[in-house]
Amino acid sequence: MSEPVIAARKPAVLTLAPNTYYWCRCGRSKNQPFCDGSHKGTEFKPVRFVIEVERRAALCQCKQTGNPPFCDGTHTRL
């Protein structure tokens, strides 16, 4: 399996409105941390997640989290 591109070594901390989102798993998206279709031709697929109530969230940008799409601090060990 290929390794994803590290988009950043810090999370994207965002206020997310209720909606369905697609988190970029490959790291190639120009719209980090969200998918823009740049994974086409790779083995990666975006991660679909649903926010039901507006909230702040730290979304992983290093693509190494054990809890996708949310940051778990893994970027501090890269």
N, C-alpha and C. Protein backbone atom coordinates (compact mmCIF):
# COMPACT_ATOMS: atom_id res chain seq x y z
N MET A 1 0.84 -1.18 0.00
CA MET A 1 0.00 0.00 0.00
C MET A 1 0.89 1.24 0.00
N SER A 2 0.52 2.23 -0.77
CA SER A 2 1.23 3.50 -0.84
C SER A 2 1.02 4.31 0.42
N GLU A 3 1.94 5.23 0.65
CA GLU A 3 1.80 6.15 1.76
C GLU A 3 1.14 7.44 1.27
N PRO A 4 0.25 8.02 2.06
CA PRO A 4 -0.36 9.29 1.66
C PRO A 4 0.66 10.42 1.76
N VAL A 5 0.39 11.50 1.06
CA VAL A 5 1.20 12.71 1.14
C VAL A 5 0.83 13.43 2.44
N ILE A 6 1.83 13.90 3.17
CA ILE A 6 1.56 14.68 4.38
C ILE A 6 1.23 16.10 3.92
N ALA A 7 -0.01 16.49 4.09
CA ALA A 7 -0.45 17.82 3.66
C ALA A 7 0.04 18.90 4.61
N ALA A 8 0.08 18.60 5.91
CA ALA A 8 0.57 19.53 6.93
C ALA A 8 0.85 18.74 8.20
N ARG A 9 1.73 19.26 9.02
CA ARG A 9 2.05 18.61 10.29
C ARG A 9 1.31 19.28 11.44
N LYS A 10 0.07 19.66 11.18
CA LYS A 10 -0.83 20.20 12.20
C LYS A 10 -2.25 19.97 11.71
N PRO A 11 -3.20 19.89 12.64
CA PRO A 11 -4.60 19.68 12.23
C PRO A 11 -5.21 20.97 11.67
N ALA A 12 -6.27 20.80 10.91
CA ALA A 12 -7.10 21.92 10.49
C ALA A 12 -8.22 22.01 11.51
N VAL A 13 -8.22 23.06 12.30
CA VAL A 13 -9.25 23.24 13.33
C VAL A 13 -10.33 24.14 12.75
N LEU A 14 -11.51 23.56 12.56
CA LEU A 14 -12.59 24.22 11.85
C LEU A 14 -13.90 24.11 12.61
N THR A 15 -14.77 25.08 12.40
CA THR A 15 -16.15 24.97 12.87
C THR A 15 -16.95 24.40 11.70
N LEU A 16 -17.51 23.23 11.92
CA LEU A 16 -18.24 22.52 10.86
C LEU A 16 -19.74 22.59 11.10
N ALA A 17 -20.47 23.01 10.08
CA ALA A 17 -21.93 23.04 10.12
C ALA A 17 -22.47 21.64 9.87
N PRO A 18 -23.68 21.35 10.27
CA PRO A 18 -24.27 20.05 9.98
C PRO A 18 -24.25 19.80 8.47
N ASN A 19 -23.68 18.68 8.07
CA ASN A 19 -23.53 18.35 6.66
C ASN A 19 -22.80 17.03 6.54
N THR A 20 -22.69 16.53 5.31
CA THR A 20 -21.86 15.38 4.99
C THR A 20 -20.58 15.91 4.36
N TYR A 21 -19.45 15.43 4.85
CA TYR A 21 -18.14 15.88 4.38
C TYR A 21 -17.33 14.69 3.89
N TYR A 22 -16.33 14.98 3.06
CA TYR A 22 -15.42 13.96 2.56
C TYR A 22 -14.00 14.42 2.85
N TRP A 23 -13.35 13.72 3.76
CA TRP A 23 -11.98 14.03 4.19
C TRP A 23 -10.99 13.40 3.22
N CYS A 24 -10.01 14.19 2.83
CA CYS A 24 -8.97 13.71 1.92
C CYS A 24 -8.06 12.73 2.66
N ARG A 25 -7.95 11.52 2.15
CA ARG A 25 -7.08 10.51 2.74
C ARG A 25 -5.71 10.46 2.05
N CYS A 26 -5.66 10.88 0.78
CA CYS A 26 -4.42 10.75 0.00
C CYS A 26 -3.42 11.87 0.26
N GLY A 27 -3.91 13.04 0.70
CA GLY A 27 -3.04 14.18 0.95
C GLY A 27 -2.78 15.05 -0.27
N ARG A 28 -3.35 14.71 -1.40
CA ARG A 28 -3.09 15.45 -2.65
C ARG A 28 -4.07 16.58 -2.91
N SER A 29 -5.17 16.63 -2.21
CA SER A 29 -6.21 17.64 -2.45
C SER A 29 -5.65 19.05 -2.28
N LYS A 30 -6.07 19.94 -3.13
CA LYS A 30 -5.73 21.36 -3.02
C LYS A 30 -6.71 22.07 -2.07
N ASN A 31 -7.71 21.33 -1.58
CA ASN A 31 -8.75 21.87 -0.71
C ASN A 31 -8.68 21.19 0.66
N GLN A 32 -7.47 21.03 1.20
CA GLN A 32 -7.28 20.34 2.48
C GLN A 32 -8.11 20.98 3.57
N PRO A 33 -8.67 20.18 4.45
CA PRO A 33 -8.53 18.75 4.60
C PRO A 33 -9.59 17.94 3.84
N PHE A 34 -10.29 18.62 2.93
CA PHE A 34 -11.39 17.97 2.23
C PHE A 34 -10.96 17.44 0.87
N CYS A 35 -11.65 16.43 0.39
CA CYS A 35 -11.35 15.80 -0.89
C CYS A 35 -11.76 16.70 -2.06
N ASP A 36 -10.90 16.76 -3.07
CA ASP A 36 -11.24 17.47 -4.31
C ASP A 36 -11.14 16.55 -5.53
N GLY A 37 -11.02 15.23 -5.27
CA GLY A 37 -10.95 14.27 -6.36
C GLY A 37 -9.53 13.96 -6.82
N SER A 38 -8.52 14.54 -6.18
CA SER A 38 -7.13 14.33 -6.59
C SER A 38 -6.64 12.90 -6.37
N HIS A 39 -7.40 12.09 -5.65
CA HIS A 39 -7.02 10.70 -5.40
C HIS A 39 -7.22 9.80 -6.64
N LYS A 40 -7.92 10.31 -7.64
CA LYS A 40 -8.20 9.48 -8.83
C LYS A 40 -6.89 8.93 -9.40
N GLY A 41 -6.88 7.64 -9.66
CA GLY A 41 -5.69 6.98 -10.16
C GLY A 41 -4.81 6.43 -9.06
N THR A 42 -5.22 6.62 -7.80
CA THR A 42 -4.48 6.06 -6.67
C THR A 42 -5.36 5.02 -5.98
N GLU A 43 -4.82 4.37 -4.99
CA GLU A 43 -5.59 3.39 -4.23
C GLU A 43 -6.42 4.03 -3.10
N PHE A 44 -6.26 5.32 -2.90
CA PHE A 44 -6.94 6.01 -1.81
C PHE A 44 -8.36 6.41 -2.17
N LYS A 45 -9.20 6.42 -1.16
CA LYS A 45 -10.59 6.86 -1.28
C LYS A 45 -10.85 7.84 -0.14
N PRO A 46 -11.67 8.87 -0.35
CA PRO A 46 -11.97 9.80 0.74
C PRO A 46 -12.79 9.12 1.84
N VAL A 47 -12.73 9.72 3.02
CA VAL A 47 -13.51 9.23 4.16
C VAL A 47 -14.73 10.13 4.31
N ARG A 48 -15.90 9.51 4.21
CA ARG A 48 -17.17 10.23 4.37
C ARG A 48 -17.46 10.32 5.87
N PHE A 49 -17.82 11.53 6.32
CA PHE A 49 -18.25 11.67 7.71
C PHE A 49 -19.37 12.70 7.79
N VAL A 50 -20.21 12.54 8.79
CA VAL A 50 -21.40 13.37 8.94
C VAL A 50 -21.29 14.15 10.25
N ILE A 51 -21.53 15.44 10.16
CA ILE A 51 -21.63 16.29 11.34
C ILE A 51 -23.11 16.60 11.52
N GLU A 52 -23.65 16.24 12.67
CA GLU A 52 -25.09 16.41 12.90
C GLU A 52 -25.43 17.71 13.63
N VAL A 53 -24.49 18.22 14.41
CA VAL A 53 -24.68 19.46 15.16
C VAL A 53 -23.42 20.30 14.96
N GLU A 54 -23.58 21.59 14.70
CA GLU A 54 -22.41 22.44 14.50
C GLU A 54 -21.41 22.25 15.63
N ARG A 55 -20.14 22.10 15.27
CA ARG A 55 -19.09 21.89 16.28
C ARG A 55 -17.72 22.21 15.73
N ARG A 56 -16.79 22.43 16.62
CA ARG A 56 -15.39 22.61 16.24
C ARG A 56 -14.77 21.22 16.16
N ALA A 57 -13.92 21.05 15.18
CA ALA A 57 -13.26 19.75 15.01
C ALA A 57 -11.85 19.98 14.51
N ALA A 58 -10.93 19.13 14.97
CA ALA A 58 -9.55 19.14 14.49
C ALA A 58 -9.42 18.00 13.50
N LEU A 59 -9.33 18.34 12.22
CA LEU A 59 -9.24 17.32 11.17
C LEU A 59 -7.78 17.09 10.82
N CYS A 60 -7.42 15.83 10.73
CA CYS A 60 -6.04 15.43 10.46
C CYS A 60 -5.59 15.91 9.07
N GLN A 61 -4.37 16.44 9.02
CA GLN A 61 -3.78 16.81 7.73
C GLN A 61 -2.50 16.03 7.46
N CYS A 62 -1.98 15.30 8.47
CA CYS A 62 -0.78 14.50 8.23
C CYS A 62 -1.13 13.15 7.59
N LYS A 63 -2.40 12.79 7.65
CA LYS A 63 -2.96 11.58 7.04
C LYS A 63 -2.49 10.29 7.72
N GLN A 64 -1.97 10.41 8.94
CA GLN A 64 -1.47 9.25 9.68
C GLN A 64 -2.33 8.91 10.90
N THR A 65 -3.40 9.66 11.14
CA THR A 65 -4.23 9.46 12.32
C THR A 65 -4.79 8.04 12.42
N GLY A 66 -4.97 7.60 13.63
CA GLY A 66 -5.63 6.32 13.87
C GLY A 66 -7.13 6.48 14.02
N ASN A 67 -7.62 7.72 13.91
CA ASN A 67 -9.04 8.02 14.09
C ASN A 67 -9.55 8.94 12.98
N PRO A 68 -9.42 8.51 11.71
CA PRO A 68 -9.79 9.39 10.60
C PRO A 68 -11.27 9.76 10.65
N PRO A 69 -11.60 10.98 10.36
CA PRO A 69 -10.78 12.08 9.84
C PRO A 69 -10.19 12.97 10.92
N PHE A 70 -10.36 12.60 12.19
CA PHE A 70 -10.00 13.48 13.28
C PHE A 70 -8.54 13.31 13.71
N CYS A 71 -7.94 14.41 14.10
CA CYS A 71 -6.55 14.40 14.56
C CYS A 71 -6.44 13.64 15.88
N ASP A 72 -5.42 12.80 15.99
CA ASP A 72 -5.16 12.10 17.25
C ASP A 72 -3.77 12.42 17.79
N GLY A 73 -3.13 13.45 17.20
CA GLY A 73 -1.80 13.87 17.68
C GLY A 73 -0.63 13.17 17.01
N THR A 74 -0.89 12.27 16.09
CA THR A 74 0.19 11.52 15.43
C THR A 74 1.20 12.45 14.76
N HIS A 75 0.75 13.62 14.28
CA HIS A 75 1.66 14.55 13.60
C HIS A 75 2.83 14.97 14.48
N THR A 76 2.69 14.89 15.79
CA THR A 76 3.78 15.30 16.70
C THR A 76 4.90 14.29 16.71
N ARG A 77 4.67 13.11 16.16
CA ARG A 77 5.69 12.05 16.15
C ARG A 77 6.28 11.80 14.78
N LEU A 78 5.96 12.65 13.80
CA LEU A 78 6.48 12.46 12.44
C LEU A 78 7.81 13.13 12.26
